[in-house]
């Protein structure tokens, strides 16, 4: 079983201008905080029959934060979802164009998400929307979405540049 796992090809870390350590560190901090919050909630609930129900807001935010940071890291490594069963049946030159097109579609998607997420965060700030559990301004949670979408967009553009320079 271990031999099968060892024989699986691991994607190589690409040579990027912005180090991938940024995403890896942010994801590690987020998952550490998530584990700490969840552990504290379980211990307090078990010991006192009282629940830190408000921690759900932080947990949801941290999970979404990790999803966006992970998407950025995966995008830089060209590990995003591909239907390779079909794409790998084409010639190398056509495969490159398909991957460029798919990356371009992802870039457009995250650019739109960054703009719309920025509008949403601004509206939440302008209308002073507060969270139901803690009563803190919700823009504190949502302002990260356009920022992280711009990070993913940057990684996508970097991937497209590497794909463009690739020799066929």
N, C-alpha and C. Protein backbone atom coordinates (compact mmCIF):
# COMPACT_ATOMS: atom_id res chain seq x y z
N UNK A 1 0.83 -1.19 0.00
CA UNK A 1 0.00 0.00 0.00
C UNK A 1 0.88 1.26 0.00
N UNK A 2 1.90 1.25 0.86
CA UNK A 2 2.78 2.41 0.94
C UNK A 2 3.53 2.61 -0.38
N UNK A 3 3.88 1.51 -1.05
CA UNK A 3 4.57 1.62 -2.34
C UNK A 3 3.70 2.33 -3.36
N UNK A 4 2.38 2.05 -3.33
CA UNK A 4 1.47 2.72 -4.25
C UNK A 4 1.42 4.21 -3.98
N UNK A 5 1.41 4.57 -2.69
CA UNK A 5 1.39 5.99 -2.34
C UNK A 5 2.69 6.68 -2.73
N UNK A 6 3.80 5.98 -2.56
CA UNK A 6 5.09 6.57 -2.91
C UNK A 6 5.25 6.74 -4.41
N UNK A 7 4.60 5.90 -5.20
CA UNK A 7 4.74 5.98 -6.64
C UNK A 7 3.86 7.05 -7.28
N UNK A 8 2.91 7.62 -6.50
CA UNK A 8 2.05 8.68 -7.03
C UNK A 8 2.90 9.91 -7.29
N UNK A 9 2.79 10.49 -8.48
CA UNK A 9 3.60 11.67 -8.75
C UNK A 9 3.12 12.86 -7.93
N UNK A 10 4.06 13.52 -7.30
CA UNK A 10 3.75 14.73 -6.53
C UNK A 10 4.02 15.94 -7.42
N UNK A 11 3.08 16.89 -7.46
CA UNK A 11 3.31 18.06 -8.30
C UNK A 11 4.51 18.87 -7.79
N UNK A 12 5.34 19.26 -8.72
CA UNK A 12 6.52 20.04 -8.37
C UNK A 12 6.10 21.48 -8.07
N UNK A 13 6.80 22.09 -7.13
CA UNK A 13 6.51 23.49 -6.84
C UNK A 13 7.06 24.33 -7.98
N UNK A 14 6.21 25.17 -8.55
CA UNK A 14 6.68 25.98 -9.67
C UNK A 14 7.58 27.11 -9.19
N UNK A 15 8.33 27.64 -10.11
CA UNK A 15 9.20 28.77 -9.82
C UNK A 15 8.35 30.04 -9.95
N UNK A 16 7.84 30.54 -8.83
CA UNK A 16 6.98 31.72 -8.84
C UNK A 16 7.73 32.92 -8.28
N UNK A 17 7.33 34.11 -8.69
CA UNK A 17 7.96 35.33 -8.18
C UNK A 17 7.60 35.58 -6.73
N UNK A 18 6.34 35.31 -6.39
CA UNK A 18 5.87 35.44 -5.01
C UNK A 18 5.91 34.06 -4.39
N UNK A 19 6.62 33.89 -3.28
CA UNK A 19 6.79 32.55 -2.71
C UNK A 19 5.47 31.92 -2.29
N UNK A 20 5.37 30.61 -2.51
CA UNK A 20 4.18 29.86 -2.10
C UNK A 20 4.11 29.71 -0.59
N UNK A 21 5.19 29.99 0.10
CA UNK A 21 5.22 29.92 1.56
C UNK A 21 4.17 30.84 2.18
N UNK A 22 3.80 31.91 1.48
CA UNK A 22 2.80 32.84 2.01
C UNK A 22 1.48 32.11 2.21
N UNK A 23 0.99 31.44 1.17
CA UNK A 23 -0.26 30.71 1.28
C UNK A 23 -0.16 29.57 2.28
N UNK A 24 0.96 28.87 2.26
CA UNK A 24 1.13 27.74 3.17
C UNK A 24 1.12 28.20 4.62
N UNK A 25 1.76 29.32 4.91
CA UNK A 25 1.79 29.86 6.27
C UNK A 25 0.41 30.35 6.70
N UNK A 26 -0.28 31.08 5.83
CA UNK A 26 -1.61 31.57 6.17
C UNK A 26 -2.58 30.42 6.40
N UNK A 27 -2.51 29.38 5.57
CA UNK A 27 -3.38 28.22 5.76
C UNK A 27 -3.06 27.51 7.07
N UNK A 28 -1.79 27.41 7.41
CA UNK A 28 -1.40 26.78 8.67
C UNK A 28 -1.90 27.55 9.88
N UNK A 29 -1.80 28.88 9.82
CA UNK A 29 -2.31 29.70 10.92
C UNK A 29 -3.82 29.55 11.04
N UNK A 30 -4.51 29.58 9.90
CA UNK A 30 -5.98 29.47 9.91
C UNK A 30 -6.43 28.13 10.48
N UNK A 31 -5.80 27.04 10.05
CA UNK A 31 -6.23 25.73 10.55
C UNK A 31 -5.86 25.57 12.02
N UNK A 32 -4.75 26.16 12.44
CA UNK A 32 -4.39 26.13 13.85
C UNK A 32 -5.40 26.87 14.72
N UNK A 33 -5.81 28.05 14.28
CA UNK A 33 -6.83 28.80 15.00
C UNK A 33 -8.16 28.06 15.02
N UNK A 34 -8.51 27.47 13.90
CA UNK A 34 -9.76 26.70 13.82
C UNK A 34 -9.74 25.53 14.80
N UNK A 35 -8.62 24.82 14.85
CA UNK A 35 -8.51 23.69 15.78
C UNK A 35 -8.56 24.17 17.23
N UNK A 36 -7.91 25.27 17.52
CA UNK A 36 -7.89 25.82 18.88
C UNK A 36 -9.29 26.25 19.31
N UNK A 37 -10.01 26.95 18.45
CA UNK A 37 -11.36 27.41 18.77
C UNK A 37 -12.29 26.21 18.97
N UNK A 38 -12.21 25.24 18.09
CA UNK A 38 -13.07 24.06 18.19
C UNK A 38 -12.75 23.26 19.44
N UNK A 39 -11.47 23.09 19.73
CA UNK A 39 -11.07 22.36 20.94
C UNK A 39 -11.57 23.06 22.19
N UNK A 40 -11.41 24.38 22.25
CA UNK A 40 -11.88 25.13 23.42
C UNK A 40 -13.39 24.99 23.57
N UNK A 41 -14.12 25.04 22.48
CA UNK A 41 -15.57 24.90 22.54
C UNK A 41 -15.96 23.52 23.06
N UNK A 42 -15.29 22.48 22.62
CA UNK A 42 -15.60 21.12 23.08
C UNK A 42 -15.28 20.96 24.56
N UNK A 43 -14.13 21.46 25.00
CA UNK A 43 -13.75 21.34 26.41
C UNK A 43 -14.73 22.09 27.30
N UNK A 44 -15.06 23.31 26.92
CA UNK A 44 -15.99 24.11 27.74
C UNK A 44 -17.37 23.46 27.76
N UNK A 45 -17.82 22.97 26.63
CA UNK A 45 -19.15 22.32 26.58
C UNK A 45 -19.16 21.07 27.45
N UNK A 46 -18.08 20.30 27.40
CA UNK A 46 -18.02 19.07 28.19
C UNK A 46 -17.92 19.36 29.68
N UNK A 47 -17.12 20.35 30.05
CA UNK A 47 -16.88 20.64 31.46
C UNK A 47 -18.01 21.43 32.12
N UNK A 48 -18.69 22.29 31.36
CA UNK A 48 -19.65 23.20 32.01
C UNK A 48 -21.06 23.11 31.46
N UNK A 49 -21.29 22.34 30.42
CA UNK A 49 -22.60 22.30 29.76
C UNK A 49 -22.96 23.65 29.14
N UNK A 50 -21.98 24.47 28.87
CA UNK A 50 -22.16 25.77 28.24
C UNK A 50 -21.45 25.71 26.89
N UNK A 51 -22.02 26.36 25.89
CA UNK A 51 -21.44 26.29 24.55
C UNK A 51 -20.99 27.68 24.10
N UNK A 52 -19.85 27.71 23.45
CA UNK A 52 -19.39 28.94 22.79
C UNK A 52 -20.02 28.98 21.40
N UNK A 53 -21.31 29.20 21.32
CA UNK A 53 -22.00 29.16 20.03
C UNK A 53 -21.51 30.25 19.08
N UNK A 54 -21.05 31.35 19.63
CA UNK A 54 -20.58 32.45 18.78
C UNK A 54 -19.33 32.08 17.99
N UNK A 55 -18.64 31.02 18.40
CA UNK A 55 -17.42 30.63 17.69
C UNK A 55 -17.72 30.14 16.28
N UNK A 56 -18.99 29.83 16.00
CA UNK A 56 -19.34 29.38 14.66
C UNK A 56 -19.00 30.44 13.62
N UNK A 57 -19.20 31.71 13.96
CA UNK A 57 -18.86 32.79 13.02
C UNK A 57 -17.38 32.75 12.66
N UNK A 58 -16.53 32.61 13.66
CA UNK A 58 -15.09 32.55 13.39
C UNK A 58 -14.74 31.29 12.61
N UNK A 59 -15.37 30.17 12.96
CA UNK A 59 -15.07 28.91 12.28
C UNK A 59 -15.43 28.97 10.81
N UNK A 60 -16.60 29.52 10.49
CA UNK A 60 -17.01 29.63 9.09
C UNK A 60 -16.06 30.54 8.34
N UNK A 61 -15.70 31.68 8.96
CA UNK A 61 -14.76 32.59 8.32
C UNK A 61 -13.42 31.92 8.06
N UNK A 62 -12.91 31.21 9.05
CA UNK A 62 -11.60 30.56 8.88
C UNK A 62 -11.64 29.46 7.82
N UNK A 63 -12.75 28.73 7.73
CA UNK A 63 -12.85 27.70 6.68
C UNK A 63 -12.89 28.33 5.29
N UNK A 64 -13.64 29.42 5.14
CA UNK A 64 -13.67 30.10 3.84
C UNK A 64 -12.31 30.72 3.52
N UNK A 65 -11.66 31.27 4.51
CA UNK A 65 -10.33 31.84 4.33
C UNK A 65 -9.37 30.77 3.83
N UNK A 66 -9.43 29.58 4.48
CA UNK A 66 -8.55 28.48 4.05
C UNK A 66 -8.87 28.03 2.63
N UNK A 67 -10.14 28.03 2.26
CA UNK A 67 -10.52 27.63 0.90
C UNK A 67 -9.93 28.58 -0.13
N UNK A 68 -9.99 29.88 0.13
CA UNK A 68 -9.43 30.85 -0.82
C UNK A 68 -7.90 30.79 -0.86
N UNK A 69 -7.27 30.65 0.30
CA UNK A 69 -5.81 30.55 0.34
C UNK A 69 -5.35 29.27 -0.35
N UNK A 70 -6.08 28.17 -0.12
CA UNK A 70 -5.75 26.91 -0.79
C UNK A 70 -5.95 27.00 -2.29
N UNK A 71 -7.01 27.70 -2.71
CA UNK A 71 -7.24 27.88 -4.15
C UNK A 71 -6.10 28.65 -4.80
N UNK A 72 -5.58 29.63 -4.08
CA UNK A 72 -4.46 30.41 -4.61
C UNK A 72 -3.22 29.53 -4.77
N UNK A 73 -2.95 28.72 -3.78
CA UNK A 73 -1.78 27.83 -3.83
C UNK A 73 -1.93 26.80 -4.94
N UNK A 74 -3.11 26.21 -5.05
CA UNK A 74 -3.35 25.20 -6.08
C UNK A 74 -3.28 25.81 -7.47
N UNK A 75 -3.78 27.03 -7.61
CA UNK A 75 -3.73 27.70 -8.91
C UNK A 75 -2.28 27.91 -9.34
N UNK A 76 -1.43 28.31 -8.41
CA UNK A 76 -0.03 28.53 -8.75
C UNK A 76 0.67 27.24 -9.18
N UNK A 77 0.21 26.12 -8.63
CA UNK A 77 0.82 24.82 -8.94
C UNK A 77 0.17 24.14 -10.13
N UNK A 78 -0.75 24.83 -10.81
CA UNK A 78 -1.50 24.27 -11.94
C UNK A 78 -2.21 22.98 -11.52
N UNK A 79 -2.75 22.98 -10.32
CA UNK A 79 -3.42 21.81 -9.82
C UNK A 79 -4.93 21.96 -9.77
N UNK A 80 -5.46 22.99 -10.41
CA UNK A 80 -6.90 23.18 -10.39
C UNK A 80 -7.58 22.07 -11.18
N UNK A 81 -8.87 21.97 -11.01
CA UNK A 81 -9.61 20.88 -11.64
C UNK A 81 -9.49 20.93 -13.16
N UNK A 82 -9.18 19.81 -13.71
CA UNK A 82 -9.11 19.65 -15.16
C UNK A 82 -9.79 18.34 -15.53
N UNK A 83 -10.40 18.32 -16.67
CA UNK A 83 -10.95 17.07 -17.18
C UNK A 83 -9.89 16.48 -18.09
N UNK A 84 -8.88 15.93 -17.48
CA UNK A 84 -7.72 15.48 -18.23
C UNK A 84 -8.01 14.26 -19.08
N UNK A 85 -9.04 13.54 -18.76
CA UNK A 85 -9.38 12.37 -19.57
C UNK A 85 -9.56 12.78 -21.03
N UNK A 86 -10.21 13.90 -21.26
CA UNK A 86 -10.44 14.38 -22.62
C UNK A 86 -9.26 15.22 -23.13
N UNK A 87 -8.78 16.11 -22.28
CA UNK A 87 -7.73 17.04 -22.71
C UNK A 87 -6.45 16.30 -23.08
N UNK A 88 -6.09 15.26 -22.35
CA UNK A 88 -4.85 14.52 -22.62
C UNK A 88 -4.89 13.75 -23.93
N UNK A 89 -6.02 13.63 -24.54
CA UNK A 89 -6.13 12.93 -25.82
C UNK A 89 -5.82 13.83 -27.01
N UNK A 90 -5.66 15.12 -26.76
CA UNK A 90 -5.31 16.06 -27.82
C UNK A 90 -3.80 16.16 -27.96
N UNK A 91 -3.38 16.75 -29.08
CA UNK A 91 -1.94 17.00 -29.27
C UNK A 91 -1.46 18.01 -28.23
N UNK A 92 -0.16 18.01 -27.99
CA UNK A 92 0.45 18.87 -26.97
C UNK A 92 0.13 20.34 -27.22
N UNK A 93 0.20 20.78 -28.45
CA UNK A 93 -0.04 22.19 -28.77
C UNK A 93 -1.48 22.60 -28.45
N UNK A 94 -2.43 21.74 -28.79
CA UNK A 94 -3.83 22.03 -28.51
C UNK A 94 -4.11 21.97 -26.99
N UNK A 95 -3.44 21.05 -26.31
CA UNK A 95 -3.58 20.97 -24.84
C UNK A 95 -3.16 22.27 -24.18
N UNK A 96 -2.08 22.83 -24.68
CA UNK A 96 -1.59 24.10 -24.13
C UNK A 96 -2.63 25.20 -24.30
N UNK A 97 -3.25 25.28 -25.47
CA UNK A 97 -4.27 26.31 -25.71
C UNK A 97 -5.51 26.08 -24.85
N UNK A 98 -5.89 24.84 -24.65
CA UNK A 98 -7.03 24.54 -23.79
C UNK A 98 -6.73 24.97 -22.35
N UNK A 99 -5.53 24.67 -21.89
CA UNK A 99 -5.16 25.07 -20.52
C UNK A 99 -5.09 26.59 -20.38
N UNK A 100 -4.60 27.26 -21.42
CA UNK A 100 -4.58 28.73 -21.39
C UNK A 100 -6.01 29.28 -21.35
N UNK A 101 -6.90 28.69 -22.14
CA UNK A 101 -8.30 29.14 -22.14
C UNK A 101 -8.96 28.90 -20.78
N UNK A 102 -8.74 27.73 -20.20
CA UNK A 102 -9.32 27.41 -18.89
C UNK A 102 -8.79 28.35 -17.81
N UNK A 103 -7.49 28.63 -17.86
CA UNK A 103 -6.91 29.56 -16.89
C UNK A 103 -7.45 30.97 -17.10
N UNK A 104 -7.65 31.35 -18.35
CA UNK A 104 -8.24 32.67 -18.64
C UNK A 104 -9.65 32.77 -18.09
N UNK A 105 -10.43 31.69 -18.23
CA UNK A 105 -11.79 31.68 -17.68
C UNK A 105 -11.75 31.80 -16.16
N UNK A 106 -10.80 31.13 -15.53
CA UNK A 106 -10.65 31.25 -14.08
C UNK A 106 -10.26 32.67 -13.69
N UNK A 107 -9.37 33.29 -14.47
CA UNK A 107 -8.96 34.67 -14.19
C UNK A 107 -10.14 35.62 -14.27
N UNK A 108 -10.96 35.47 -15.29
CA UNK A 108 -12.14 36.33 -15.43
C UNK A 108 -13.09 36.11 -14.24
N UNK A 109 -13.28 34.86 -13.86
CA UNK A 109 -14.17 34.54 -12.74
C UNK A 109 -13.71 35.19 -11.45
N UNK A 110 -12.42 35.08 -11.15
CA UNK A 110 -11.92 35.66 -9.90
C UNK A 110 -11.84 37.18 -9.96
N UNK A 111 -11.66 37.75 -11.14
CA UNK A 111 -11.73 39.20 -11.27
C UNK A 111 -13.14 39.70 -10.97
N UNK A 112 -14.14 38.99 -11.49
CA UNK A 112 -15.54 39.36 -11.22
C UNK A 112 -15.84 39.19 -9.73
N UNK A 113 -15.38 38.08 -9.14
CA UNK A 113 -15.59 37.86 -7.71
C UNK A 113 -14.93 38.95 -6.87
N UNK A 114 -13.75 39.41 -7.28
CA UNK A 114 -13.07 40.48 -6.53
C UNK A 114 -13.89 41.76 -6.57
N UNK A 115 -14.40 42.12 -7.74
CA UNK A 115 -15.20 43.35 -7.87
C UNK A 115 -16.49 43.24 -7.07
N UNK A 116 -17.23 42.15 -7.28
CA UNK A 116 -18.50 41.98 -6.57
C UNK A 116 -18.30 41.83 -5.06
N UNK A 117 -17.25 41.14 -4.66
CA UNK A 117 -16.94 41.01 -3.24
C UNK A 117 -16.57 42.35 -2.62
N UNK A 118 -15.86 43.18 -3.38
CA UNK A 118 -15.54 44.52 -2.89
C UNK A 118 -16.79 45.36 -2.71
N UNK A 119 -17.71 45.27 -3.66
CA UNK A 119 -18.98 46.00 -3.52
C UNK A 119 -19.76 45.51 -2.31
N UNK A 120 -19.78 44.19 -2.11
CA UNK A 120 -20.50 43.63 -0.97
C UNK A 120 -19.90 44.10 0.35
N UNK A 121 -18.57 44.05 0.47
CA UNK A 121 -17.91 44.50 1.69
C UNK A 121 -18.18 45.99 1.93
N UNK A 122 -18.14 46.78 0.86
CA UNK A 122 -18.41 48.22 1.00
C UNK A 122 -19.86 48.47 1.43
N UNK A 123 -20.80 47.73 0.86
CA UNK A 123 -22.20 47.87 1.26
C UNK A 123 -22.39 47.50 2.73
N UNK A 124 -21.74 46.43 3.17
CA UNK A 124 -21.85 46.04 4.57
C UNK A 124 -21.24 47.09 5.49
N UNK A 125 -20.17 47.71 5.03
CA UNK A 125 -19.57 48.81 5.81
C UNK A 125 -20.49 50.03 5.82
N UNK A 126 -21.00 50.39 4.64
CA UNK A 126 -21.82 51.59 4.51
C UNK A 126 -23.12 51.47 5.30
N UNK A 127 -23.76 50.31 5.26
CA UNK A 127 -25.03 50.13 5.94
C UNK A 127 -24.88 49.59 7.37
N UNK A 128 -23.64 49.49 7.84
CA UNK A 128 -23.32 49.09 9.21
C UNK A 128 -23.99 47.76 9.60
N UNK A 129 -23.85 46.77 8.74
CA UNK A 129 -24.40 45.44 8.99
C UNK A 129 -23.55 44.77 10.07
N UNK A 130 -24.22 44.17 11.05
CA UNK A 130 -23.49 43.47 12.11
C UNK A 130 -23.85 41.99 12.10
N UNK A 131 -22.97 41.21 12.65
CA UNK A 131 -23.18 39.76 12.68
C UNK A 131 -24.19 39.40 13.77
N UNK A 132 -24.96 38.34 13.55
CA UNK A 132 -26.00 37.99 14.52
C UNK A 132 -25.45 37.45 15.84
N UNK A 133 -24.33 36.74 15.79
CA UNK A 133 -23.81 36.10 17.00
C UNK A 133 -23.06 37.05 17.92
N UNK A 134 -22.15 37.81 17.34
CA UNK A 134 -21.29 38.68 18.15
C UNK A 134 -21.63 40.15 18.03
N UNK A 135 -22.36 40.52 17.00
CA UNK A 135 -22.71 41.91 16.81
C UNK A 135 -21.57 42.77 16.29
N UNK A 136 -20.54 42.14 15.72
CA UNK A 136 -19.44 42.92 15.15
C UNK A 136 -19.73 43.20 13.68
N UNK A 137 -19.13 44.23 13.11
CA UNK A 137 -19.39 44.54 11.69
C UNK A 137 -18.99 43.38 10.78
N UNK A 138 -19.90 43.03 9.87
CA UNK A 138 -19.64 41.88 8.99
C UNK A 138 -18.63 42.20 7.90
N UNK A 139 -18.39 43.48 7.63
CA UNK A 139 -17.41 43.79 6.60
C UNK A 139 -16.02 43.29 7.00
N UNK A 140 -15.79 43.10 8.29
CA UNK A 140 -14.50 42.57 8.76
C UNK A 140 -14.27 41.17 8.19
N UNK A 141 -15.35 40.40 8.06
CA UNK A 141 -15.25 39.07 7.46
C UNK A 141 -15.17 39.14 5.93
N UNK A 142 -16.01 39.98 5.33
CA UNK A 142 -16.15 39.96 3.88
C UNK A 142 -15.08 40.76 3.14
N UNK A 143 -14.36 41.63 3.82
CA UNK A 143 -13.33 42.41 3.13
C UNK A 143 -12.20 41.52 2.63
N UNK A 144 -12.08 40.33 3.21
CA UNK A 144 -11.01 39.43 2.81
C UNK A 144 -11.28 38.75 1.48
N UNK A 145 -12.57 38.61 1.12
CA UNK A 145 -12.89 37.92 -0.13
C UNK A 145 -12.29 38.62 -1.35
N UNK A 146 -12.49 39.93 -1.55
CA UNK A 146 -11.87 40.54 -2.74
C UNK A 146 -10.34 40.53 -2.67
N UNK A 147 -9.79 40.65 -1.49
CA UNK A 147 -8.33 40.63 -1.35
C UNK A 147 -7.77 39.27 -1.77
N UNK A 148 -8.40 38.20 -1.27
CA UNK A 148 -7.93 36.86 -1.61
C UNK A 148 -8.23 36.51 -3.06
N UNK A 149 -9.34 37.02 -3.60
CA UNK A 149 -9.63 36.80 -5.03
C UNK A 149 -8.58 37.47 -5.90
N UNK A 150 -8.12 38.63 -5.49
CA UNK A 150 -7.03 39.29 -6.24
C UNK A 150 -5.75 38.47 -6.15
N UNK A 151 -5.51 37.84 -5.00
CA UNK A 151 -4.35 36.95 -4.88
C UNK A 151 -4.46 35.76 -5.82
N UNK A 152 -5.64 35.17 -5.89
CA UNK A 152 -5.86 34.04 -6.80
C UNK A 152 -5.71 34.51 -8.25
N UNK A 153 -6.24 35.70 -8.54
CA UNK A 153 -6.11 36.26 -9.89
C UNK A 153 -4.64 36.44 -10.25
N UNK A 154 -3.85 36.93 -9.32
CA UNK A 154 -2.41 37.07 -9.57
C UNK A 154 -1.74 35.74 -9.84
N UNK A 155 -2.10 34.72 -9.05
CA UNK A 155 -1.53 33.39 -9.27
C UNK A 155 -1.98 32.83 -10.63
N UNK A 156 -3.22 33.12 -11.02
CA UNK A 156 -3.72 32.64 -12.31
C UNK A 156 -2.98 33.31 -13.46
N UNK A 157 -2.75 34.60 -13.34
CA UNK A 157 -1.99 35.31 -14.38
C UNK A 157 -0.57 34.77 -14.46
N UNK A 158 0.03 34.50 -13.31
CA UNK A 158 1.37 33.90 -13.29
C UNK A 158 1.39 32.54 -13.97
N UNK A 159 0.36 31.73 -13.71
CA UNK A 159 0.25 30.43 -14.36
C UNK A 159 0.11 30.59 -15.86
N UNK A 160 -0.71 31.53 -16.29
CA UNK A 160 -0.90 31.76 -17.73
C UNK A 160 0.40 32.20 -18.39
N UNK A 161 1.18 33.02 -17.69
CA UNK A 161 2.47 33.43 -18.25
C UNK A 161 3.41 32.25 -18.39
N UNK A 162 3.42 31.35 -17.40
CA UNK A 162 4.27 30.16 -17.49
C UNK A 162 3.79 29.24 -18.61
N UNK A 163 2.46 29.09 -18.74
CA UNK A 163 1.94 28.26 -19.82
C UNK A 163 2.26 28.86 -21.20
N UNK A 164 2.22 30.17 -21.29
CA UNK A 164 2.50 30.85 -22.57
C UNK A 164 3.96 30.65 -22.99
N UNK A 165 4.87 30.70 -21.99
CA UNK A 165 6.30 30.56 -22.29
C UNK A 165 6.71 29.11 -22.53
N UNK A 166 5.84 28.19 -22.16
CA UNK A 166 6.14 26.76 -22.29
C UNK A 166 6.42 26.38 -23.73
N UNK A 167 7.45 25.62 -23.94
CA UNK A 167 7.80 25.14 -25.29
C UNK A 167 6.90 23.97 -25.65
N UNK A 168 6.42 23.96 -26.89
CA UNK A 168 5.58 22.83 -27.35
C UNK A 168 6.32 21.99 -28.35
